[in-house]
Protein backbone atom coordinates (compact mmCIF):
# COMPACT_ATOMS: atom_id res chain seq x y z
CA UNK A 1 -164.31 59.27 280.57
CA UNK A 2 -162.62 62.23 278.94
CA UNK A 3 -162.79 61.87 275.13
CA UNK A 4 -159.42 61.76 273.35
CA UNK A 5 -158.15 64.74 271.42
CA UNK A 6 -160.11 64.90 268.17
CA UNK A 7 -158.06 63.68 265.24
CA UNK A 8 -158.31 67.01 263.45
CA UNK A 9 -158.31 69.28 266.50
CA UNK A 10 -156.30 72.45 266.03
CA UNK A 11 -154.38 73.38 269.19
CA UNK A 12 -152.56 76.63 269.65
CA UNK A 13 -148.95 75.74 270.41
CA UNK A 14 -147.62 77.92 273.17
CA UNK A 15 -148.20 78.56 276.83
CA UNK A 16 -151.83 77.60 276.58
CA UNK A 17 -151.15 74.17 275.14
CA UNK A 18 -149.77 72.66 278.35
CA UNK A 19 -152.71 73.84 280.40
CA UNK A 20 -155.10 72.37 277.84
CA UNK A 21 -153.29 69.02 277.94
CA UNK A 22 -153.15 68.97 281.73
CA UNK A 23 -156.89 69.58 281.93
CA UNK A 24 -157.57 66.31 280.11
CA UNK A 25 -158.13 63.16 282.12
CA UNK A 26 -156.29 60.78 279.81
CA UNK A 27 -152.58 60.57 279.11
CA UNK A 28 -151.46 62.70 276.18
CA UNK A 29 -148.06 62.60 274.47
CA UNK A 30 -146.91 64.91 271.69
CA UNK A 31 -144.55 63.12 269.31
CA UNK A 32 -142.20 64.74 266.80
CA UNK A 33 -141.21 63.44 263.36
CA UNK A 34 -138.43 61.21 264.72
CA UNK A 35 -140.63 59.61 267.34
CA UNK A 36 -139.28 61.81 270.15
CA UNK A 37 -141.66 62.95 272.88
CA UNK A 38 -142.02 66.71 272.71
CA UNK A 39 -144.80 67.17 275.24
CA UNK A 40 -146.70 65.30 277.95
CA UNK A 41 -149.51 66.04 280.38
CA UNK A 42 -149.95 65.19 284.06
CA UNK A 43 -152.04 62.10 283.25
CA UNK A 44 -149.11 60.75 281.19
CA UNK A 45 -146.81 61.28 284.17
CA UNK A 46 -149.16 59.29 286.36
CA UNK A 47 -149.65 56.53 283.79
CA UNK A 48 -145.96 55.90 283.10
CA UNK A 49 -144.70 57.00 286.56
CA UNK A 50 -142.24 59.36 284.88
CA UNK A 51 -142.05 63.14 285.40
CA UNK A 52 -142.86 65.18 282.30
CA UNK A 53 -139.34 66.63 282.36
CA UNK A 54 -137.99 63.11 281.77
CA UNK A 55 -140.67 62.13 279.31
CA UNK A 56 -139.87 65.07 277.06
CA UNK A 57 -136.90 64.24 274.88
CA UNK A 58 -137.27 60.48 275.32
CA UNK A 59 -137.92 58.03 272.50
CA UNK A 60 -141.61 57.21 272.34
CA UNK A 61 -140.70 53.55 271.80
CA UNK A 62 -139.12 53.42 275.27
CA UNK A 63 -142.64 53.70 276.69
CA UNK A 64 -143.92 50.70 274.78
CA UNK A 65 -143.12 47.00 274.97
CA UNK A 66 -144.99 45.74 271.94
CA UNK A 67 -143.54 44.60 268.63
CA UNK A 68 -146.19 46.60 266.81
CA UNK A 69 -145.05 49.85 268.38
CA UNK A 70 -142.25 50.65 265.92
CA UNK A 71 -144.47 50.10 262.90
CA UNK A 72 -147.24 52.09 264.55
CA UNK A 73 -145.05 55.14 265.14
CA UNK A 74 -143.54 54.90 261.65
CA UNK A 75 -147.03 54.76 260.21
CA UNK A 76 -148.06 57.86 262.13
CA UNK A 77 -145.00 59.80 261.02
CA UNK A 78 -145.68 58.89 257.41
CA UNK A 79 -149.42 59.30 257.37
CA UNK A 80 -150.22 62.01 259.87
CA UNK A 81 -147.44 64.54 259.67
CA UNK A 82 -148.22 65.52 256.07
CA UNK A 83 -151.07 67.97 256.39
CA UNK A 84 -153.59 65.88 254.49
CA UNK A 85 -157.06 66.02 256.07
CA UNK A 86 -158.03 62.86 254.19
CA UNK A 87 -155.69 60.79 256.37
CA UNK A 88 -157.34 60.24 259.77
CA UNK A 89 -155.66 58.93 262.88
CA UNK A 90 -156.21 55.42 264.18
CA UNK A 91 -156.71 53.60 267.48
CA UNK A 92 -154.69 50.52 268.38
CA UNK A 93 -154.09 48.34 271.44
CA UNK A 94 -150.45 48.10 272.53
CA UNK A 95 -148.46 47.28 275.65
CA UNK A 96 -147.02 50.15 277.70
CA UNK A 97 -143.97 50.02 279.93
CA UNK A 98 -143.84 51.97 283.18
CA UNK A 99 -140.66 53.26 284.80
CA UNK A 100 -140.77 50.40 287.34
CA UNK A 101 -140.78 47.86 284.50
CA UNK A 102 -144.45 46.95 284.87
CA UNK A 103 -146.25 46.24 281.60
CA UNK A 104 -149.77 47.55 281.09
CA UNK A 105 -152.25 47.10 278.25
CA UNK A 106 -153.05 50.44 276.65
CA UNK A 107 -155.28 51.79 273.93
CA UNK A 108 -153.56 54.45 271.86
CA UNK A 109 -155.55 56.89 269.73
CA UNK A 110 -153.55 59.00 267.33
CA UNK A 111 -154.23 62.53 266.18
CA UNK A 112 -152.22 65.49 264.96
CA UNK A 113 -151.54 69.09 265.62
CA UNK A 114 -152.05 71.00 262.41
CA UNK A 115 -150.55 74.40 261.62
CA UNK A 116 -149.91 76.90 263.00
CA UNK A 117 -147.18 75.15 264.96
CA UNK A 118 -144.49 72.54 264.53
CA UNK A 119 -145.26 69.18 262.92
CA UNK A 120 -146.37 66.83 265.69
CA UNK A 121 -148.84 64.06 266.23
CA UNK A 122 -150.68 63.29 269.41
CA UNK A 123 -151.12 60.01 271.25
CA UNK A 124 -154.05 59.77 273.61
CA UNK A 125 -153.32 56.79 275.84
CA UNK A 126 -155.84 54.94 277.95
CA UNK A 127 -154.99 52.29 280.53
CA UNK A 128 -157.21 49.30 279.65
CA UNK A 129 -155.95 46.95 282.38
CA UNK A 130 -159.38 46.72 284.01
CA UNK A 131 -161.05 46.04 280.65
CA UNK A 132 -158.56 43.28 279.82
CA UNK A 133 -159.01 41.75 283.28
CA UNK A 134 -162.79 41.63 282.75
CA UNK A 135 -162.32 40.08 279.32
CA UNK A 136 -160.04 37.43 280.82
CA UNK A 137 -162.60 36.67 283.52
CA UNK A 138 -165.25 36.22 280.84
CA UNK A 139 -163.00 33.91 278.79
CA UNK A 140 -162.04 31.90 281.85
CA UNK A 141 -165.67 31.68 282.87
CA UNK A 142 -166.65 30.38 279.46
CA UNK A 143 -163.89 27.75 279.61
CA UNK A 144 -164.52 26.61 283.19
CA UNK A 145 -167.25 24.36 284.46
CA UNK A 146 -169.30 26.43 286.88
CA UNK A 147 -169.76 23.70 289.44
CA UNK A 148 -166.29 22.14 289.65
CA UNK A 149 -163.98 24.83 288.31
CA UNK A 150 -162.24 22.45 285.90
CA UNK A 151 -162.29 22.91 282.13
CA UNK A 152 -165.50 22.44 280.19
CA UNK A 153 -165.76 19.65 277.65
CA UNK A 154 -165.79 22.22 274.84
CA UNK A 155 -162.54 23.74 276.11
CA UNK A 156 -160.85 20.34 276.41
CA UNK A 157 -161.83 19.52 272.84
CA UNK A 158 -160.58 22.91 271.67
CA UNK A 159 -157.18 22.42 273.33
CA UNK A 160 -156.87 18.72 272.48
CA UNK A 161 -156.81 18.88 268.68
CA UNK A 162 -153.77 21.17 268.33
CA UNK A 163 -152.05 19.18 271.09
CA UNK A 164 -152.72 15.95 269.21
CA UNK A 165 -151.30 17.54 266.06
CA UNK A 166 -148.15 18.49 267.96
CA UNK A 167 -147.51 15.09 269.52
CA UNK A 168 -148.30 13.32 266.24
CA UNK A 169 -145.93 15.52 264.28
CA UNK A 170 -143.04 14.95 266.68
CA UNK A 171 -144.05 11.39 267.60
CA UNK A 172 -144.45 12.22 271.29
CA UNK A 173 -146.58 10.25 273.76
CA UNK A 174 -149.95 11.40 275.05
CA UNK A 175 -152.43 9.56 277.25
CA UNK A 176 -156.09 10.19 278.04
CA UNK A 177 -157.83 9.13 281.25
CA UNK A 178 -161.60 9.05 281.64
CA UNK A 179 -163.13 8.38 285.03
CA UNK A 180 -166.49 8.69 286.66
CA UNK A 181 -167.84 8.44 290.17
CA UNK A 182 -169.04 4.96 291.12
CA UNK A 183 -172.70 4.72 292.18
CA UNK A 184 -173.05 8.50 292.04
CA UNK A 185 -176.84 8.25 291.78
CA UNK A 186 -176.87 6.61 295.19
CA UNK A 187 -175.08 9.62 296.66
CA UNK A 188 -177.74 11.93 295.24
CA UNK A 189 -180.58 9.66 296.37
CA UNK A 190 -179.25 9.22 299.90
CA UNK A 191 -177.92 12.69 300.61
CA UNK A 192 -179.50 15.05 298.08
CA UNK A 193 -178.25 16.86 295.01
CA UNK A 194 -176.41 19.51 297.04
CA UNK A 195 -174.35 16.71 298.55
CA UNK A 196 -173.74 15.31 295.06
CA UNK A 197 -172.49 18.71 293.95
CA UNK A 198 -170.19 18.84 296.97
CA UNK A 199 -168.76 15.43 296.05
CA UNK A 200 -168.08 16.50 292.47
CA UNK A 201 -166.35 19.69 293.60
CA UNK A 202 -164.19 17.78 296.06
CA UNK A 203 -163.21 15.15 293.50
CA UNK A 204 -162.31 17.81 290.96
CA UNK A 205 -160.16 19.67 293.49
CA UNK A 206 -158.33 16.53 294.64
CA UNK A 207 -157.57 15.58 291.06
CA UNK A 208 -156.33 19.08 290.21
CA UNK A 209 -153.96 18.78 293.17
CA UNK A 210 -152.66 15.41 291.92
CA UNK A 211 -151.97 16.18 288.26
CA UNK A 212 -149.15 18.19 286.69
CA UNK A 213 -149.45 21.77 285.55
CA UNK A 214 -149.07 20.53 281.96
CA UNK A 215 -152.02 18.14 282.31
CA UNK A 216 -155.59 19.26 281.61
CA UNK A 217 -158.63 18.05 283.51
CA UNK A 218 -162.16 18.73 282.35
CA UNK A 219 -165.68 17.74 283.26
CA UNK A 220 -166.70 15.47 280.42
CA UNK A 221 -170.35 15.18 281.42
CA UNK A 222 -172.37 14.60 284.60
CA UNK A 223 -170.10 12.75 287.03
CA UNK A 224 -167.54 11.92 284.32
CA UNK A 225 -164.16 13.64 284.02
CA UNK A 226 -161.31 13.49 281.51
CA UNK A 227 -157.60 14.11 282.00
CA UNK A 228 -155.31 14.73 279.02
CA UNK A 229 -151.68 14.15 279.97
CA UNK A 230 -149.05 15.01 277.34
CA UNK A 231 -145.60 13.39 277.32
CA UNK A 232 -147.09 10.36 279.11
CA UNK A 233 -147.04 6.80 277.82
CA UNK A 234 -149.62 4.21 278.85
CA UNK A 235 -147.64 3.03 281.89
CA UNK A 236 -147.36 6.59 283.13
CA UNK A 237 -151.08 6.96 282.53
CA UNK A 238 -151.71 3.88 284.66
CA UNK A 239 -149.60 5.36 287.46
CA UNK A 240 -151.55 8.60 287.30
CA UNK A 241 -154.85 6.74 287.19
CA UNK A 242 -153.97 4.79 290.33
CA UNK A 243 -152.88 7.99 292.04
CA UNK A 244 -156.22 9.60 291.28
CA UNK A 245 -158.16 6.49 292.29
CA UNK A 246 -156.40 6.29 295.67
CA UNK A 247 -156.68 10.04 296.17
CA UNK A 248 -160.45 9.71 296.00
CA UNK A 249 -160.96 6.33 297.73
CA UNK A 250 -158.63 6.85 300.70
CA UNK A 251 -160.44 9.83 302.22
CA UNK A 252 -164.21 10.35 302.53
CA UNK A 253 -165.82 13.56 301.37
CA UNK A 254 -167.08 15.64 304.28
CA UNK A 255 -170.43 17.22 303.48
CA UNK A 256 -171.58 20.60 304.71
CA UNK A 257 -173.68 18.76 307.29
CA UNK A 258 -170.58 17.06 308.68
CA UNK A 259 -171.52 13.68 307.24
CA UNK A 260 -168.75 11.63 305.69
CA UNK A 261 -169.39 10.04 302.31
CA UNK A 262 -167.00 7.46 300.91
CA UNK A 263 -166.77 7.51 297.12
CA UNK A 264 -164.65 5.76 294.53
CA UNK A 265 -163.92 6.23 290.85
CA UNK A 266 -163.39 3.90 287.92
CA UNK A 267 -160.72 4.90 285.40
CA UNK A 268 -160.15 4.00 281.74
CA UNK A 269 -156.89 4.93 280.00
CA UNK A 270 -155.72 5.02 276.39
CA UNK A 271 -152.62 6.43 274.73
CA UNK A 272 -152.15 7.95 271.31
CA UNK A 273 -150.96 5.50 268.69
CA UNK A 274 -149.75 6.31 265.17
CA UNK A 275 -152.67 6.72 262.83
CA UNK A 276 -155.12 8.20 265.32
CA UNK A 277 -157.07 10.65 263.14
CA UNK A 278 -158.46 12.77 265.96
CA UNK A 279 -158.79 13.15 269.71
CA UNK A 280 -162.19 11.48 269.73
CA UNK A 281 -160.59 8.22 268.61
CA UNK A 282 -158.37 8.11 271.69
CA UNK A 283 -161.31 9.06 273.90
CA UNK A 284 -163.36 6.17 272.56
CA UNK A 285 -160.63 3.69 273.52
CA UNK A 286 -160.35 5.22 276.99
CA UNK A 287 -164.14 5.09 277.31
CA UNK A 288 -164.18 1.40 276.41
CA UNK A 289 -161.56 0.78 279.10
CA UNK A 290 -163.69 2.71 281.60
CA UNK A 291 -166.67 0.46 280.92
CA UNK A 292 -164.49 -2.59 281.51
CA UNK A 293 -163.37 -1.11 284.83
CA UNK A 294 -166.99 -0.68 285.89
CA UNK A 295 -167.96 -4.14 284.68
CA UNK A 296 -165.04 -5.65 286.63
CA UNK A 297 -166.32 -4.30 289.93
CA UNK A 298 -165.52 -0.55 289.90
CA UNK A 299 -162.90 1.31 291.96
CA UNK A 300 -160.21 0.16 289.55
CA UNK A 301 -158.07 1.26 286.60
CA UNK A 302 -158.24 -0.39 283.18
CA UNK A 303 -156.11 0.20 280.09
CA UNK A 304 -157.17 0.12 276.47
CA UNK A 305 -156.49 -3.40 275.25
CA UNK A 306 -153.57 -4.37 273.04
CA UNK A 307 -156.07 -5.52 270.44
CA UNK A 308 -157.60 -2.04 270.28
CA UNK A 309 -154.15 -0.46 270.08
CA UNK A 310 -152.97 -2.72 267.28
CA UNK A 311 -156.22 -2.37 265.37
CA UNK A 312 -156.02 1.40 265.51
CA UNK A 313 -152.34 1.49 264.57
CA UNK A 314 -152.96 -0.72 261.54
CA UNK A 315 -156.01 1.23 260.38
């Protein structure tokens, strides 16, 4: 990667300047005191998809789509144009705007052209789209269960607390469903752990297909899953729970060997009630309902009891 123009590099302004800029692999813009582009190299043309003839004379802000851009350019004009060697340039991440309207993440490193020559500062601009894509992949990977592709328990807990704060503040409904696979150990014992993994992946995918985009499903542990469904009262939670239960029970899972394995789930559901101090409190009620579903014969949906609801509300 071509290093950016050094912050204190002295460039001879004249015919040789353009050839120097064009020889650099990263986009370079020269910016005057009013934020107007006074020079650009070929890499800048390619980055913004704008010929240099059109770049020159344009407002530097027109190339950026970030709220920080105005303050950034004002800062540079104030700090860099005075010929004070004690004031170095800075690097900042912004959002660039191409001529076709596409937005791209960019890293902008500032510098200046010191006398002889007109007062200008330089922006060395690097397209960091690939870097940001890799960072997103890493974040998504950390938040997604490797086997099933749904959220991890840690991610659910991270998202749940601010969501609980929101619904509590505005007195909005929220329900939590916990379910696990009935007799899952028997699947592993009869067909092997690879088959068990296949069953978990299939169940997770079916459930993702059956919930709303605003709902969040996560693997809570082992063969246990949790669904957080905002704007849903307990009756709506029951409807969703039955939909998930039927979605699993009505069609067998086809293993890689071609074998068909019939599986069912048991579901426990609780809704937020006034006074719930945290997400874990709702989860405990849903978990208690899940155990009742299993004790009552499995392959069924149970709701948190009225007694539990009233006790929590009065606490």
